[in-house]
């Protein structure tokens, strides 16, 4: 096992990885930008290195600065967390070239899954059902029009290098294609430096369901069940739960075994997530993309399986074999992402100082956050400040525990999305389990 690792991330992400490392007796090198240098969580690290200014390009996205920090501190492995460089194949390759273990998949498979068209081709060849779509990139408006007519409206334009809902536009008819194509391409270019798009059939009112898979270097592959991520706004997830109310135990076993086997055949290694969309009419699950990293919502898979996914990542990276037997799932878990945003002002970010902070406690409650009272919420980074997770013997108990936890949560000095989470937990569609990716939008428009 590694003696010392560097965590190439910040805040809640880095804290989550750090706590598993400390439990395993692994020394941790934390990195910080100048904007984050006074945050309280850094005191938990064995070493702290300031890697640059507030802007991510000069700090958390600077491959040179991160590699130099690892070299100077004697870290032999780098955990990228999620976000920033976690899915950057070039960074993984540079770590490899420098003799530093990248705790994640190798650069080859990361590239194959990072390009959405290549990922679709790979998964299709291995037997994964795909959403009907273009055979490759739609290079201009003429090709987009031809593909839309062949597929049939409504369609979804998606960035080939995309993620997080950026470079994505719904088009319901020919009259909206030109604007959708241009805005999706421009947004993709700004976000990823690549304006290329492809097209899929738009599945209206589908359900976003993803499977957690883990594969070791010996080809042992296992799935840890699925997560339901359909409560989302503009493709950004707000609440996730496991297991999904939409799947039966038989479906879970069948699809889980399929995706784990396909990940192994694709040469994947470490933890990854197969994201799928469930058609409301047929109930069929279609492949959307594979995330070659740990997900924000990995916590709920941990709660229902009792497995620490970061520990599993570290062991796989250190060439340990895993047990390919799917773990027994116990109970139900739900996660609420707490963002420093003003829901009444179109989810405007709310940076500032946390003047009072009281985390919820109680049976089945888990809080993942890096924050302490007095910490500053920076305007330079993502607005998520915490995750509140509730585990119960069944779905009803998990919901009740999460509602109580959110009621007990006190965050003063900045506005948060907590009131919206409480609204969702009281929503009839959510309570029944019969909800989809349009549910939150309809709630907000009501």
Foldseek 3Di string as FASTA:
>chain_A
DWQEEEELDDWLQVLLLLVVCVVVNHAYEYEAEPQQVPFPLNVSHPHYYYQYHLFCVRGSQDLVSRVVVCVVVVHQEYEHGDPRCNLPQVSQVVCVVVNHQYLFWHSVLSVCQQQQLSQVVLCVVLPAFAFDWDNDWQDDLVSVVVRCVVQDDFKKKAFRRDDPLALIDTDGDPVCSVVSLVRSLVRCCVVPVGSIIIMGHDQPQWWKKKWKKAAFQVLQIAILWMKTFQADDSSHGFKIKPPAPLDDPVRRVVVRVSVRNSCSVSVGHAMKMFIWIQHPPPRDTHTRGMGRHDDPPCVNSCVQQVDDRSVVSVCRSVVHHDDNDHGHGAFMKMKGFKFLFDVVVVRHHWWWAFQDWDFFDDPQKDKRTSHDHGDTGDPNDGGGGIMIMGGDRYDVVRLVVVLVRLVPTDTPTTDICSVVVNVLSPDPCVVVSNGGNCVNVVVVVD
